[in-house]
Amino acid sequence: MKKDSSVSRALKEVPLFAARYENFIKRLENQSASLSTIKNYGYNLALICLEYGRLPEAITDDEYVEYYNKLLKRKSSGSHMLHAVYCVRKYFKVFGLVCPLSANPSIPAKKTLPVVLSVPEVTSLLKSCVDLREKALLGLLYDTGMRKSELLHLRTYDLDFSRAMIHIREGKRRKDRYVPFSKNMQKIVAAYMHVYHPHEYLFEQERSKPKGTNWPSKVLTAVLKRTDIAKHVSCHVLRHSYATTLLEHGIDLKHIQQWLGHKRLETTAIYLNIAKTSFDQRWIGPTDLIFPVKQ
C-alpha cells in the first residue's frame, strides 16, 4: 500500500521520526480519533517529513509555503489538502508546540454540492450487479447511507433482522448509532450470508479479516461499466443519494442527520439544496409558459 510504504520510509529515513510518530498516533487514539483520520494524518505527516528529512518543528516557514504550493499545483484533492494542513496543525497542538502561521494556512470552505444519483440511476446500478456479493455491498451502501469504512467493519452480529436495524460501531468520532434496514436488503443480505458464510465480518477476504479499503470502490467501478451512468460515482455518492432519496420521500432532516451520524444539522442541511421537492415537480419554466409543451 502506498500509504504504508511512505510511513515505513519515514520511519527509516527521517531522524527521530519513529519515536515522534508512535507518540503522535497514541495521542490521536487517546482523543478517540477515527481509524481513517489516524491513518490519513500519519500518512500526511510522513509525506512532509520525507520531503524535507526533518520533523515538522524543524521545517522552515519558506518550506511550508513551498510544500503547500506544490500540493496546489499538483491539483491535489480537497481532502488531501485538508489532511496535509490539519495533520501538521494537530501535530503541533498535541505536543504543545506553537504552530507557525505558514504551517497553518486558512482553507476556504468548499461551496460545491455533492453528486447524487437519481432513483432510475440507482435502479440501473443495482440491477447491473451480477452476484449476491455485489448486490449486498452496493445495496447496503445506498439502503443505509453507511460510510465505506463503516460497512467494511460491519460484523454479522451487528445486523438485527428482527428489529430491522443495523448497529454501526465506532463510526466517525468513534460514535455508535443504529440505522434502519429495509426488507428488500434483509432478503438480499440473508441470501448472501447463506451462500458466502461470513465468519465474523460481513465482507471478509479471509476468515475473520475484513476486505481491504479499496475493494468496495473496485466493485463499484466494475458495476458502473455495465450501466450508462456518466456521472463520476464513488461509494460516498451512494451515501449522498441515500440522504437525497429520503428527503424527496418526506423523511425529516433530523432523522436523516441521526442515521448519517452527522454531528451538526447544518451538515445534513446541504441536501436541501439538492433534493427535488413537490414544488420543484409542479414548477413550470418560463419557456414552457410561452411555448406550452404538448403532452
Foldseek 3Di string as FASTA:
>chain_A
DVLVVLLVCLCPQAPPCVVLLVVLLVLCVVQLAAPVLSSLLSSLQSVLCVVPSYHLVPDDLVSLLVVLVVCVVVVPDPVNSVSNLVSSVSSCVVVVHDDDCSSHDDDDDDPDADDADDPVRLVLLLVLDDDLVLNLLLVCCQQQLEDLVQLQQFWPVQQDPVVQKGWRALDGSRDIAITGHDPVSVVSLVVVCVVVVAQTHSAPPDHPHTDDSCVNQVSSVVSVVSGPDPDDDGSNNSSLNNLLVCVQVPDDLVVNCRSNVPPDSVVSCSSVVPHQHPCNVVDDDPVCVVVPDDD
